[in-house]
């Protein structure tokens, strides 16, 4: 479980949580951070948790998430949060910048997963 104890993962999780609670408590923060920071760290956090779970259940700390699986998970999140949910819930807004940030975050995870985790 060294992934979920890694300082980079913990930093992303804390930052995402702070932004979420700042929005919830209506604390004024810059719009760039409000609208886009969590979209950037979303996929690395999800993929780190996924990798930790796979390693735990398979009992193999040498496993990594392949590029195709990362792309498929990112496509799923993009379609779900940027296409499907905006059609049914007013809370969600379709934004192609979010999709680009999901893929950027996934790409960064892919580049660094073997070096850091």
PDB file of N, CA and C in Angstrom:
ATOM      1  N   UNK A   1       0.810  -1.196   0.000  1.00  0.00           N
ATOM      2  CA  UNK A   1       0.000   0.000   0.000  1.00  0.00           C
ATOM      3  C   UNK A   1       0.849   1.254   0.000  1.00  0.00           C
ATOM      4  N   UNK A   2       2.043   1.141  -0.561  1.00  0.00           N
ATOM      5  CA  UNK A   2       2.910   2.312  -0.568  1.00  0.00           C
ATOM      6  C   UNK A   2       2.353   3.426  -1.458  1.00  0.00           C
ATOM      7  N   UNK A   3       1.458   3.087  -2.368  1.00  0.00           N
ATOM      8  CA  UNK A   3       0.885   4.101  -3.258  1.00  0.00           C
ATOM      9  C   UNK A   3       0.084   5.114  -2.460  1.00  0.00           C
ATOM     10  N   UNK A   4      -0.802   4.629  -1.602  1.00  0.00           N
ATOM     11  CA  UNK A   4      -1.670   5.562  -0.879  1.00  0.00           C
ATOM     12  C   UNK A   4      -0.942   6.269   0.262  1.00  0.00           C
ATOM     13  N   UNK A   5       0.305   5.890   0.513  1.00  0.00           N
ATOM     14  CA  UNK A   5       1.128   6.585   1.505  1.00  0.00           C
ATOM     15  C   UNK A   5       2.145   7.518   0.841  1.00  0.00           C
ATOM     16  N   UNK A   6       2.208   7.471  -0.483  1.00  0.00           N
ATOM     17  CA  UNK A   6       3.185   8.280  -1.215  1.00  0.00           C
ATOM     18  C   UNK A   6       2.845   9.765  -1.077  1.00  0.00           C
ATOM     19  N   UNK A   7       3.840  10.608  -0.847  1.00  0.00           N
ATOM     20  CA  UNK A   7       3.586  12.046  -0.663  1.00  0.00           C
ATOM     21  C   UNK A   7       2.879  12.711  -1.850  1.00  0.00           C
ATOM     22  N   UNK A   8       3.164  12.282  -3.068  1.00  0.00           N
ATOM     23  CA  UNK A   8       2.507  12.879  -4.234  1.00  0.00           C
ATOM     24  C   UNK A   8       1.016  12.555  -4.238  1.00  0.00           C
ATOM     25  N   UNK A   9       0.672  11.298  -3.983  1.00  0.00           N
ATOM     26  CA  UNK A   9      -0.737  10.914  -3.920  1.00  0.00           C
ATOM     27  C   UNK A   9      -1.447  11.669  -2.797  1.00  0.00           C
ATOM     28  N   UNK A  10      -0.837  11.686  -1.628  1.00  0.00           N
ATOM     29  CA  UNK A  10      -1.445  12.383  -0.486  1.00  0.00           C
ATOM     30  C   UNK A  10      -1.620  13.870  -0.775  1.00  0.00           C
ATOM     31  N   UNK A  11      -0.645  14.476  -1.437  1.00  0.00           N
ATOM     32  CA  UNK A  11      -0.744  15.900  -1.789  1.00  0.00           C
ATOM     33  C   UNK A  11      -1.913  16.150  -2.730  1.00  0.00           C
ATOM     34  N   UNK A  12      -2.050  15.306  -3.757  1.00  0.00           N
ATOM     35  CA  UNK A  12      -3.166  15.473  -4.698  1.00  0.00           C
ATOM     36  C   UNK A  12      -4.507  15.291  -3.996  1.00  0.00           C
ATOM     37  N   UNK A  13      -4.581  14.315  -3.119  1.00  0.00           N
ATOM     38  CA  UNK A  13      -5.818  14.053  -2.394  1.00  0.00           C
ATOM     39  C   UNK A  13      -6.174  15.216  -1.461  1.00  0.00           C
ATOM     40  N   UNK A  14      -5.194  15.756  -0.783  1.00  0.00           N
ATOM     41  CA  UNK A  14      -5.429  16.890   0.115  1.00  0.00           C
ATOM     42  C   UNK A  14      -5.841  18.127  -0.678  1.00  0.00           C
ATOM     43  N   UNK A  15      -5.152  18.398  -1.782  1.00  0.00           N
ATOM     44  CA  UNK A  15      -5.486  19.556  -2.613  1.00  0.00           C
ATOM     45  C   UNK A  15      -6.912  19.435  -3.149  1.00  0.00           C
ATOM     46  N   UNK A  16      -7.255  18.266  -3.678  1.00  0.00           N
ATOM     47  CA  UNK A  16      -8.607  18.059  -4.207  1.00  0.00           C
ATOM     48  C   UNK A  16      -9.650  18.232  -3.106  1.00  0.00           C
ATOM     49  N   UNK A  17      -9.360  17.727  -1.923  1.00  0.00           N
ATOM     50  CA  UNK A  17     -10.292  17.853  -0.804  1.00  0.00           C
ATOM     51  C   UNK A  17     -10.449  19.307  -0.370  1.00  0.00           C
ATOM     52  N   UNK A  18      -9.346  20.038  -0.324  1.00  0.00           N
ATOM     53  CA  UNK A  18      -9.415  21.449   0.054  1.00  0.00           C
ATOM     54  C   UNK A  18     -10.248  22.260  -0.932  1.00  0.00           C
ATOM     55  N   UNK A  19     -10.062  22.008  -2.212  1.00  0.00           N
ATOM     56  CA  UNK A  19     -10.850  22.709  -3.229  1.00  0.00           C
ATOM     57  C   UNK A  19     -12.326  22.340  -3.091  1.00  0.00           C
ATOM     58  N   UNK A  20     -12.611  21.063  -2.879  1.00  0.00           N
ATOM     59  CA  UNK A  20     -13.990  20.612  -2.727  1.00  0.00           C
ATOM     60  C   UNK A  20     -14.658  21.285  -1.526  1.00  0.00           C
ATOM     61  N   UNK A  21     -13.985  21.275  -0.387  1.00  0.00           N
ATOM     62  CA  UNK A  21     -14.588  21.861   0.810  1.00  0.00           C
ATOM     63  C   UNK A  21     -14.651  23.384   0.734  1.00  0.00           C
ATOM     64  N   UNK A  22     -13.705  24.001   0.044  1.00  0.00           N
ATOM     65  CA  UNK A  22     -13.771  25.452  -0.152  1.00  0.00           C
ATOM     66  C   UNK A  22     -15.005  25.819  -0.972  1.00  0.00           C
ATOM     67  N   UNK A  23     -15.295  25.034  -2.005  1.00  0.00           N
ATOM     68  CA  UNK A  23     -16.523  25.249  -2.788  1.00  0.00           C
ATOM     69  C   UNK A  23     -17.756  25.038  -1.923  1.00  0.00           C
ATOM     70  N   UNK A  24     -17.757  23.975  -1.153  1.00  0.00           N
ATOM     71  CA  UNK A  24     -18.887  23.631  -0.298  1.00  0.00           C
ATOM     72  C   UNK A  24     -19.165  24.725   0.731  1.00  0.00           C
ATOM     73  N   UNK A  25     -18.101  25.272   1.292  1.00  0.00           N
ATOM     74  CA  UNK A  25     -18.234  26.321   2.305  1.00  0.00           C
ATOM     75  C   UNK A  25     -18.265  27.721   1.709  1.00  0.00           C
ATOM     76  N   UNK A  26     -18.251  27.801   0.388  1.00  0.00           N
ATOM     77  CA  UNK A  26     -18.304  29.054  -0.357  1.00  0.00           C
ATOM     78  C   UNK A  26     -17.146  29.993   0.000  1.00  0.00           C
ATOM     79  N   UNK A  27     -15.981  29.409   0.195  1.00  0.00           N
ATOM     80  CA  UNK A  27     -14.770  30.190   0.419  1.00  0.00           C
ATOM     81  C   UNK A  27     -14.294  30.688  -0.936  1.00  0.00           C
ATOM     82  N   UNK A  28     -14.041  31.982  -1.064  1.00  0.00           N
ATOM     83  CA  UNK A  28     -13.610  32.493  -2.373  1.00  0.00           C
ATOM     84  C   UNK A  28     -12.197  32.021  -2.730  1.00  0.00           C
ATOM     85  N   UNK A  29     -12.105  31.353  -3.856  1.00  0.00           N
ATOM     86  CA  UNK A  29     -10.811  30.944  -4.405  1.00  0.00           C
ATOM     87  C   UNK A  29     -10.827  31.283  -5.896  1.00  0.00           C
ATOM     88  N   UNK A  30      -9.661  31.440  -6.503  1.00  0.00           N
ATOM     89  CA  UNK A  30      -9.624  31.807  -7.928  1.00  0.00           C
ATOM     90  C   UNK A  30     -10.410  30.825  -8.793  1.00  0.00           C
ATOM     91  N   UNK A  31     -11.079  31.361  -9.802  1.00  0.00           N
ATOM     92  CA  UNK A  31     -11.932  30.539 -10.667  1.00  0.00           C
ATOM     93  C   UNK A  31     -11.160  29.453 -11.399  1.00  0.00           C
ATOM     94  N   UNK A  32      -9.937  29.739 -11.778  1.00  0.00           N
ATOM     95  CA  UNK A  32      -9.117  28.733 -12.461  1.00  0.00           C
ATOM     96  C   UNK A  32      -8.943  27.505 -11.567  1.00  0.00           C
ATOM     97  N   UNK A  33      -8.712  27.726 -10.289  1.00  0.00           N
ATOM     98  CA  UNK A  33      -8.572  26.623  -9.333  1.00  0.00           C
ATOM     99  C   UNK A  33      -9.926  25.960  -9.096  1.00  0.00           C
ATOM    100  N   UNK A  34     -10.947  26.779  -8.899  1.00  0.00           N
ATOM    101  CA  UNK A  34     -12.293  26.259  -8.625  1.00  0.00           C
ATOM    102  C   UNK A  34     -12.779  25.327  -9.717  1.00  0.00           C
ATOM    103  N   UNK A  35     -12.587  25.729 -10.975  1.00  0.00           N
ATOM    104  CA  UNK A  35     -13.174  24.991 -12.087  1.00  0.00           C
ATOM    105  C   UNK A  35     -12.285  23.898 -12.661  1.00  0.00           C
ATOM    106  N   UNK A  36     -10.963  23.994 -12.480  1.00  0.00           N
ATOM    107  CA  UNK A  36     -10.104  23.086 -13.230  1.00  0.00           C
ATOM    108  C   UNK A  36      -9.108  22.255 -12.435  1.00  0.00           C
ATOM    109  N   UNK A  37      -8.729  22.646 -11.247  1.00  0.00           N
ATOM    110  CA  UNK A  37      -7.692  21.905 -10.526  1.00  0.00           C
ATOM    111  C   UNK A  37      -8.128  20.475 -10.197  1.00  0.00           C
ATOM    112  N   UNK A  38      -9.347  20.310  -9.720  1.00  0.00           N
ATOM    113  CA  UNK A  38      -9.800  18.953  -9.397  1.00  0.00           C
ATOM    114  C   UNK A  38      -9.928  18.071 -10.632  1.00  0.00           C
ATOM    115  N   UNK A  39     -10.230  18.666 -11.781  1.00  0.00           N
ATOM    116  CA  UNK A  39     -10.285  17.879 -13.013  1.00  0.00           C
ATOM    117  C   UNK A  39      -8.901  17.362 -13.399  1.00  0.00           C
ATOM    118  N   UNK A  40      -7.873  18.140 -13.099  1.00  0.00           N
ATOM    119  CA  UNK A  40      -6.511  17.712 -13.399  1.00  0.00           C
ATOM    120  C   UNK A  40      -6.060  16.583 -12.476  1.00  0.00           C
ATOM    121  N   UNK A  41      -6.379  16.672 -11.193  1.00  0.00           N
ATOM    122  CA  UNK A  41      -5.908  15.651 -10.251  1.00  0.00           C
ATOM    123  C   UNK A  41      -6.866  14.472 -10.116  1.00  0.00           C
ATOM    124  N   UNK A  42      -8.050  14.579 -10.694  1.00  0.00           N
ATOM    125  CA  UNK A  42      -9.055  13.519 -10.582  1.00  0.00           C
ATOM    126  C   UNK A  42      -8.520  12.168 -11.059  1.00  0.00           C
ATOM    127  N   UNK A  43      -8.046  12.094 -12.259  1.00  0.00           N
ATOM    128  CA  UNK A  43      -7.631  10.813 -12.830  1.00  0.00           C
ATOM    129  C   UNK A  43      -6.392  10.236 -12.130  1.00  0.00           C
ATOM    130  N   UNK A  44      -5.375  11.037 -11.810  1.00  0.00           N
ATOM    131  CA  UNK A  44      -4.269  10.436 -11.052  1.00  0.00           C
ATOM    132  C   UNK A  44      -4.713   9.854  -9.707  1.00  0.00           C
ATOM    133  N   UNK A  45      -5.620  10.530  -9.019  1.00  0.00           N
ATOM    134  CA  UNK A  45      -6.109  10.018  -7.734  1.00  0.00           C
ATOM    135  C   UNK A  45      -6.880   8.714  -7.958  1.00  0.00           C
ATOM    136  N   UNK A  46      -7.806   8.712  -8.917  1.00  0.00           N
ATOM    137  CA  UNK A  46      -8.596   7.510  -9.209  1.00  0.00           C
ATOM    138  C   UNK A  46      -7.682   6.357  -9.640  1.00  0.00           C
ATOM    139  N   UNK A  47      -6.722   6.645 -10.491  1.00  0.00           N
ATOM    140  CA  UNK A  47      -5.836   5.599 -10.990  1.00  0.00           C
ATOM    141  C   UNK A  47      -4.894   5.078  -9.903  1.00  0.00           C
ATOM    142  N   UNK A  48      -4.460   5.939  -9.002  1.00  0.00           N
ATOM    143  CA  UNK A  48      -3.630   5.488  -7.876  1.00  0.00           C
ATOM    144  C   UNK A  48      -4.428   4.559  -6.973  1.00  0.00           C
ATOM    145  N   UNK A  49      -5.655   4.935  -6.673  1.00  0.00           N
ATOM    146  CA  UNK A  49      -6.504   4.085  -5.837  1.00  0.00           C
ATOM    147  C   UNK A  49      -6.767   2.759  -6.545  1.00  0.00           C
ATOM    148  N   UNK A  50      -7.032   2.817  -7.844  1.00  0.00           N
ATOM    149  CA  UNK A  50      -7.263   1.593  -8.621  1.00  0.00           C
ATOM    150  C   UNK A  50      -6.033   0.695  -8.593  1.00  0.00           C
ATOM    151  N   UNK A  51      -4.867   1.269  -8.826  1.00  0.00           N
ATOM    152  CA  UNK A  51      -3.629   0.488  -8.807  1.00  0.00           C
ATOM    153  C   UNK A  51      -3.393  -0.121  -7.429  1.00  0.00           C
ATOM    154  N   UNK A  52      -3.632   0.635  -6.379  1.00  0.00           N
ATOM    155  CA  UNK A  52      -3.455   0.114  -5.020  1.00  0.00           C
ATOM    156  C   UNK A  52      -4.403  -1.055  -4.758  1.00  0.00           C
ATOM    157  N   UNK A  53      -5.646  -0.923  -5.205  1.00  0.00           N
ATOM    158  CA  UNK A  53      -6.620  -2.009  -5.000  1.00  0.00           C
ATOM    159  C   UNK A  53      -6.241  -3.253  -5.786  1.00  0.00           C
ATOM    160  N   UNK A  54      -5.830  -3.087  -7.037  1.00  0.00           N
ATOM    161  CA  UNK A  54      -5.433  -4.239  -7.861  1.00  0.00           C
ATOM    162  C   UNK A  54      -4.239  -4.945  -7.226  1.00  0.00           C
ATOM    163  N   UNK A  55      -3.260  -4.163  -6.794  1.00  0.00           N
ATOM    164  CA  UNK A  55      -2.095  -4.774  -6.155  1.00  0.00           C
ATOM    165  C   UNK A  55      -2.477  -5.496  -4.866  1.00  0.00           C
ATOM    166  N   UNK A  56      -3.387  -4.912  -4.110  1.00  0.00           N
ATOM    167  CA  UNK A  56      -3.818  -5.529  -2.848  1.00  0.00           C
ATOM    168  C   UNK A  56      -4.533  -6.857  -3.102  1.00  0.00           C
ATOM    169  N   UNK A  57      -5.508  -6.846  -4.018  1.00  0.00           N
ATOM    170  CA  UNK A  57      -6.284  -8.055  -4.262  1.00  0.00           C
ATOM    171  C   UNK A  57      -5.486  -9.134  -4.993  1.00  0.00           C
ATOM    172  N   UNK A  58      -4.586  -8.721  -5.849  1.00  0.00           N
ATOM    173  CA  UNK A  58      -3.742  -9.692  -6.560  1.00  0.00           C
ATOM    174  C   UNK A  58      -2.506 -10.076  -5.736  1.00  0.00           C
ATOM    175  N   UNK A  59      -2.260  -9.341  -4.670  1.00  0.00           N
ATOM    176  CA  UNK A  59      -1.093  -9.555  -3.809  1.00  0.00           C
ATOM    177  C   UNK A  59       0.207  -9.543  -4.612  1.00  0.00           C
ATOM    178  N   UNK A  60       0.307  -8.529  -5.461  1.00  0.00           N
ATOM    179  CA  UNK A  60       1.470  -8.388  -6.331  1.00  0.00           C
ATOM    180  C   UNK A  60       1.798  -6.899  -6.468  1.00  0.00           C
ATOM    181  N   UNK A  61       2.880  -6.477  -5.814  1.00  0.00           N
ATOM    182  CA  UNK A  61       3.257  -5.055  -5.834  1.00  0.00           C
ATOM    183  C   UNK A  61       4.035  -4.643  -7.073  1.00  0.00           C
ATOM    184  N   UNK A  62       4.149  -5.533  -8.043  1.00  0.00           N
ATOM    185  CA  UNK A  62       4.872  -5.174  -9.265  1.00  0.00           C
ATOM    186  C   UNK A  62       3.919  -4.889 -10.428  1.00  0.00           C
ATOM    187  N   UNK A  63       2.620  -4.964 -10.195  1.00  0.00           N
ATOM    188  CA  UNK A  63       1.648  -4.703 -11.260  1.00  0.00           C
ATOM    189  C   UNK A  63       1.549  -3.214 -11.545  1.00  0.00           C
ATOM    190  N   UNK A  64       1.271  -2.892 -12.811  1.00  0.00           N
ATOM    191  CA  UNK A  64       1.038  -1.515 -13.235  1.00  0.00           C
ATOM    192  C   UNK A  64      -0.185  -1.483 -14.135  1.00  0.00           C
ATOM    193  N   UNK A  65      -0.778  -0.321 -14.274  1.00  0.00           N
ATOM    194  CA  UNK A  65      -1.943  -0.174 -15.144  1.00  0.00           C
ATOM    195  C   UNK A  65      -1.446   0.115 -16.556  1.00  0.00           C
ATOM    196  N   UNK A  66      -1.902  -0.669 -17.514  1.00  0.00           N
ATOM    197  CA  UNK A  66      -1.451  -0.503 -18.899  1.00  0.00           C
ATOM    198  C   UNK A  66      -2.050   0.765 -19.512  1.00  0.00           C
ATOM    199  N   UNK A  67      -1.420   1.224 -20.566  1.00  0.00           N
ATOM    200  CA  UNK A  67      -1.867   2.444 -21.239  1.00  0.00           C
ATOM    201  C   UNK A  67      -3.296   2.302 -21.755  1.00  0.00           C
ATOM    202  N   UNK A  68      -3.643   1.163 -22.321  1.00  0.00           N
ATOM    203  CA  UNK A  68      -4.987   0.982 -22.874  1.00  0.00           C
ATOM    204  C   UNK A  68      -6.038   1.047 -21.771  1.00  0.00           C
ATOM    205  N   UNK A  69      -5.746   0.474 -20.614  1.00  0.00           N
ATOM    206  CA  UNK A  69      -6.693   0.523 -19.497  1.00  0.00           C
ATOM    207  C   UNK A  69      -6.827   1.959 -18.989  1.00  0.00           C
ATOM    208  N   UNK A  70      -5.724   2.676 -18.907  1.00  0.00           N
ATOM    209  CA  UNK A  70      -5.771   4.085 -18.483  1.00  0.00           C
ATOM    210  C   UNK A  70      -6.622   4.895 -19.451  1.00  0.00           C
ATOM    211  N   UNK A  71      -6.425   4.690 -20.739  1.00  0.00           N
ATOM    212  CA  UNK A  71      -7.206   5.420 -21.750  1.00  0.00           C
ATOM    213  C   UNK A  71      -8.689   5.070 -21.642  1.00  0.00           C
ATOM    214  N   UNK A  72      -9.002   3.787 -21.479  1.00  0.00           N
ATOM    215  CA  UNK A  72     -10.410   3.380 -21.376  1.00  0.00           C
ATOM    216  C   UNK A  72     -11.083   3.948 -20.127  1.00  0.00           C
ATOM    217  N   UNK A  73     -10.390   3.947 -19.000  1.00  0.00           N
ATOM    218  CA  UNK A  73     -10.951   4.529 -17.775  1.00  0.00           C
ATOM    219  C   UNK A  73     -11.169   6.028 -17.963  1.00  0.00           C
ATOM    220  N   UNK A  74     -10.238   6.698 -18.609  1.00  0.00           N
ATOM    221  CA  UNK A  74     -10.353   8.142 -18.838  1.00  0.00           C
ATOM    222  C   UNK A  74     -11.499   8.447 -19.796  1.00  0.00           C
ATOM    223  N   UNK A  75     -11.656   7.650 -20.814  1.00  0.00           N
ATOM    224  CA  UNK A  75     -12.793   7.828 -21.734  1.00  0.00           C
ATOM    225  C   UNK A  75     -14.105   7.644 -20.984  1.00  0.00           C
ATOM    226  N   UNK A  76     -14.168   6.618 -20.137  1.00  0.00           N
ATOM    227  CA  UNK A  76     -15.383   6.394 -19.354  1.00  0.00           C
ATOM    228  C   UNK A  76     -15.704   7.615 -18.482  1.00  0.00           C
ATOM    229  N   UNK A  77     -14.707   8.106 -17.741  1.00  0.00           N
ATOM    230  CA  UNK A  77     -14.940   9.275 -16.888  1.00  0.00           C
ATOM    231  C   UNK A  77     -15.347  10.486 -17.723  1.00  0.00           C
ATOM    232  N   UNK A  78     -14.713  10.682 -18.848  1.00  0.00           N
ATOM    233  CA  UNK A  78     -15.044  11.820 -19.718  1.00  0.00           C
ATOM    234  C   UNK A  78     -16.482  11.739 -20.203  1.00  0.00           C
ATOM    235  N   UNK A  79     -16.876  10.577 -20.690  1.00  0.00           N
ATOM    236  CA  UNK A  79     -18.245  10.409 -21.177  1.00  0.00           C
ATOM    237  C   UNK A  79     -19.265  10.540 -20.044  1.00  0.00           C
ATOM    238  N   UNK A  80     -18.951   9.940 -18.917  1.00  0.00           N
ATOM    239  CA  UNK A  80     -19.900   9.953 -17.797  1.00  0.00           C
ATOM    240  C   UNK A  80     -20.098  11.362 -17.235  1.00  0.00           C
ATOM    241  N   UNK A  81     -19.007  12.067 -16.961  1.00  0.00           N
ATOM    242  CA  UNK A  81     -19.106  13.374 -16.302  1.00  0.00           C
ATOM    243  C   UNK A  81     -19.272  14.546 -17.249  1.00  0.00           C
ATOM    244  N   UNK A  82     -18.895  14.405 -18.501  1.00  0.00           N
ATOM    245  CA  UNK A  82     -18.962  15.542 -19.424  1.00  0.00           C
ATOM    246  C   UNK A  82     -20.007  15.379 -20.519  1.00  0.00           C
ATOM    247  N   UNK A  83     -20.593  14.206 -20.662  1.00  0.00           N
ATOM    248  CA  UNK A  83     -21.633  14.020 -21.670  1.00  0.00           C
ATOM    249  C   UNK A  83     -22.934  13.521 -21.038  1.00  0.00           C
ATOM    250  N   UNK A  84     -22.862  12.424 -20.273  1.00  0.00           N
ATOM    251  CA  UNK A  84     -24.071  11.810 -19.729  1.00  0.00           C
ATOM    252  C   UNK A  84     -24.689  12.631 -18.591  1.00  0.00           C
ATOM    253  N   UNK A  85     -23.938  12.893 -17.537  1.00  0.00           N
ATOM    254  CA  UNK A  85     -24.502  13.585 -16.373  1.00  0.00           C
ATOM    255  C   UNK A  85     -25.035  14.989 -16.679  1.00  0.00           C
ATOM    256  N   UNK A  86     -24.380  15.790 -17.522  1.00  0.00           N
ATOM    257  CA  UNK A  86     -24.952  17.111 -17.817  1.00  0.00           C
ATOM    258  C   UNK A  86     -26.342  17.059 -18.457  1.00  0.00           C
ATOM    259  N   UNK A  87     -26.678  15.952 -19.082  1.00  0.00           N
ATOM    260  CA  UNK A  87     -28.012  15.822 -19.692  1.00  0.00           C
ATOM    261  C   UNK A  87     -29.107  15.620 -18.646  1.00  0.00           C
ATOM    262  N   UNK A  88     -28.731  15.121 -17.476  1.00  0.00           N
ATOM    263  CA  UNK A  88     -29.727  14.750 -16.476  1.00  0.00           C
ATOM    264  C   UNK A  88     -29.643  15.515 -15.164  1.00  0.00           C
ATOM    265  N   UNK A  89     -28.522  16.182 -14.912  1.00  0.00           N
ATOM    266  CA  UNK A  89     -28.353  16.909 -13.659  1.00  0.00           C
ATOM    267  C   UNK A  89     -27.807  18.307 -13.946  1.00  0.00           C
ATOM    268  N   UNK A  90     -28.479  19.302 -13.420  1.00  0.00           N
ATOM    269  CA  UNK A  90     -28.052  20.686 -13.664  1.00  0.00           C
ATOM    270  C   UNK A  90     -26.735  21.018 -12.964  1.00  0.00           C
ATOM    271  N   UNK A  91     -26.349  20.234 -11.978  1.00  0.00           N
ATOM    272  CA  UNK A  91     -25.086  20.465 -11.267  1.00  0.00           C
ATOM    273  C   UNK A  91     -23.876  20.256 -12.179  1.00  0.00           C
ATOM    274  N   UNK A  92     -24.020  19.404 -13.169  1.00  0.00           N
ATOM    275  CA  UNK A  92     -22.909  19.064 -14.063  1.00  0.00           C
ATOM    276  C   UNK A  92     -22.999  19.861 -15.352  1.00  0.00           C
ATOM    277  N   UNK A  93     -21.840  20.335 -15.805  1.00  0.00           N
ATOM    278  CA  UNK A  93     -21.752  21.128 -17.025  1.00  0.00           C
ATOM    279  C   UNK A  93     -20.729  20.473 -17.950  1.00  0.00           C
ATOM    280  N   UNK A  94     -21.093  20.323 -19.196  1.00  0.00           N
ATOM    281  CA  UNK A  94     -20.185  19.734 -20.165  1.00  0.00           C
ATOM    282  C   UNK A  94     -19.099  20.742 -20.550  1.00  0.00           C
ATOM    283  N   UNK A  95     -17.845  20.326 -20.450  1.00  0.00           N
ATOM    284  CA  UNK A  95     -16.731  21.232 -20.726  1.00  0.00           C
ATOM    285  C   UNK A  95     -15.580  20.414 -21.312  1.00  0.00           C
ATOM    286  N   UNK A  96     -15.170  20.743 -22.521  1.00  0.00           N
ATOM    287  CA  UNK A  96     -14.106  19.996 -23.180  1.00  0.00           C
ATOM    288  C   UNK A  96     -12.747  20.254 -22.537  1.00  0.00           C
ATOM    289  N   UNK A  97     -12.608  21.366 -21.838  1.00  0.00           N
ATOM    290  CA  UNK A  97     -11.360  21.609 -21.106  1.00  0.00           C
ATOM    291  C   UNK A  97     -11.202  20.562 -20.008  1.00  0.00           C
ATOM    292  N   UNK A  98     -12.312  20.200 -19.363  1.00  0.00           N
ATOM    293  CA  UNK A  98     -12.272  19.155 -18.345  1.00  0.00           C
ATOM    294  C   UNK A  98     -11.778  17.839 -18.939  1.00  0.00           C
ATOM    295  N   UNK A  99     -12.269  17.497 -20.112  1.00  0.00           N
ATOM    296  CA  UNK A  99     -11.846  16.261 -20.776  1.00  0.00           C
ATOM    297  C   UNK A  99     -10.342  16.306 -21.050  1.00  0.00           C
ATOM    298  N   UNK A 100      -9.855  17.433 -21.530  1.00  0.00           N
ATOM    299  CA  UNK A 100      -8.419  17.575 -21.786  1.00  0.00           C
ATOM    300  C   UNK A 100      -7.624  17.423 -20.487  1.00  0.00           C
ATOM    301  N   UNK A 101      -8.145  17.971 -19.392  1.00  0.00           N
ATOM    302  CA  UNK A 101      -7.460  17.857 -18.107  1.00  0.00           C
ATOM    303  C   UNK A 101      -7.488  16.429 -17.579  1.00  0.00           C
ATOM    304  N   UNK A 102      -8.593  15.707 -17.803  1.00  0.00           N
ATOM    305  CA  UNK A 102      -8.636  14.288 -17.437  1.00  0.00           C
ATOM    306  C   UNK A 102      -7.519  13.532 -18.157  1.00  0.00           C
ATOM    307  N   UNK A 103      -7.389  13.775 -19.456  1.00  0.00           N
ATOM    308  CA  UNK A 103      -6.372  13.068 -20.237  1.00  0.00           C
ATOM    309  C   UNK A 103      -4.965  13.514 -19.860  1.00  0.00           C
ATOM    310  N   UNK A 104      -4.779  14.790 -19.560  1.00  0.00           N
ATOM    311  CA  UNK A 104      -3.470  15.268 -19.111  1.00  0.00           C
ATOM    312  C   UNK A 104      -3.095  14.594 -17.788  1.00  0.00           C
ATOM    313  N   UNK A 105      -4.020  14.555 -16.848  1.00  0.00           N
ATOM    314  CA  UNK A 105      -3.764  13.891 -15.573  1.00  0.00           C
ATOM    315  C   UNK A 105      -3.466  12.414 -15.753  1.00  0.00           C
ATOM    316  N   UNK A 106      -4.220  11.753 -16.635  1.00  0.00           N
ATOM    317  CA  UNK A 106      -3.980  10.327 -16.913  1.00  0.00           C
ATOM    318  C   UNK A 106      -2.613  10.119 -17.544  1.00  0.00           C
ATOM    319  N   UNK A 107      -2.249  11.004 -18.460  1.00  0.00           N
ATOM    320  CA  UNK A 107      -0.935  10.912 -19.095  1.00  0.00           C
ATOM    321  C   UNK A 107       0.192  11.076 -18.086  1.00  0.00           C
ATOM    322  N   UNK A 108       0.039  12.021 -17.173  1.00  0.00           N
ATOM    323  CA  UNK A 108       1.049  12.211 -16.129  1.00  0.00           C
ATOM    324  C   UNK A 108       1.131  10.983 -15.222  1.00  0.00           C
ATOM    325  N   UNK A 109      -0.025  10.410 -14.888  1.00  0.00           N
ATOM    326  CA  UNK A 109      -0.011   9.180 -14.091  1.00  0.00           C
ATOM    327  C   UNK A 109       0.736   8.080 -14.832  1.00  0.00           C
ATOM    328  N   UNK A 110       0.445   7.907 -16.110  1.00  0.00           N
ATOM    329  CA  UNK A 110       1.096   6.858 -16.894  1.00  0.00           C
ATOM    330  C   UNK A 110       2.622   7.052 -16.916  1.00  0.00           C
ATOM    331  N   UNK A 111       3.056   8.289 -17.101  1.00  0.00           N
ATOM    332  CA  UNK A 111       4.494   8.556 -17.172  1.00  0.00           C
ATOM    333  C   UNK A 111       5.200   8.295 -15.850  1.00  0.00           C
ATOM    334  N   UNK A 112       4.509   8.565 -14.738  1.00  0.00           N
ATOM    335  CA  UNK A 112       5.168   8.491 -13.456  1.00  0.00           C
ATOM    336  C   UNK A 112       4.855   7.254 -12.615  1.00  0.00           C
ATOM    337  N   UNK A 113       3.893   6.425 -13.036  1.00  0.00           N
ATOM    338  CA  UNK A 113       3.503   5.306 -12.169  1.00  0.00           C
ATOM    339  C   UNK A 113       4.654   4.345 -11.884  1.00  0.00           C
ATOM    340  N   UNK A 114       5.476   4.055 -12.864  1.00  0.00           N
ATOM    341  CA  UNK A 114       6.559   3.102 -12.641  1.00  0.00           C
ATOM    342  C   UNK A 114       7.737   3.731 -11.904  1.00  0.00           C
ATOM    343  N   UNK A 115       7.880   5.043 -11.995  1.00  0.00           N
ATOM    344  CA  UNK A 115       8.971   5.719 -11.299  1.00  0.00           C
ATOM    345  C   UNK A 115       8.659   5.988  -9.843  1.00  0.00           C
ATOM    346  N   UNK A 116       7.398   6.267  -9.564  1.00  0.00           N
ATOM    347  CA  UNK A 116       7.038   6.681  -8.209  1.00  0.00           C
ATOM    348  C   UNK A 116       6.388   5.596  -7.381  1.00  0.00           C
ATOM    349  N   UNK A 117       5.634   4.733  -8.018  1.00  0.00           N
ATOM    350  CA  UNK A 117       4.831   3.783  -7.245  1.00  0.00           C
ATOM    351  C   UNK A 117       5.346   2.384  -7.478  1.00  0.00           C
TER     352      UNK A 117
END
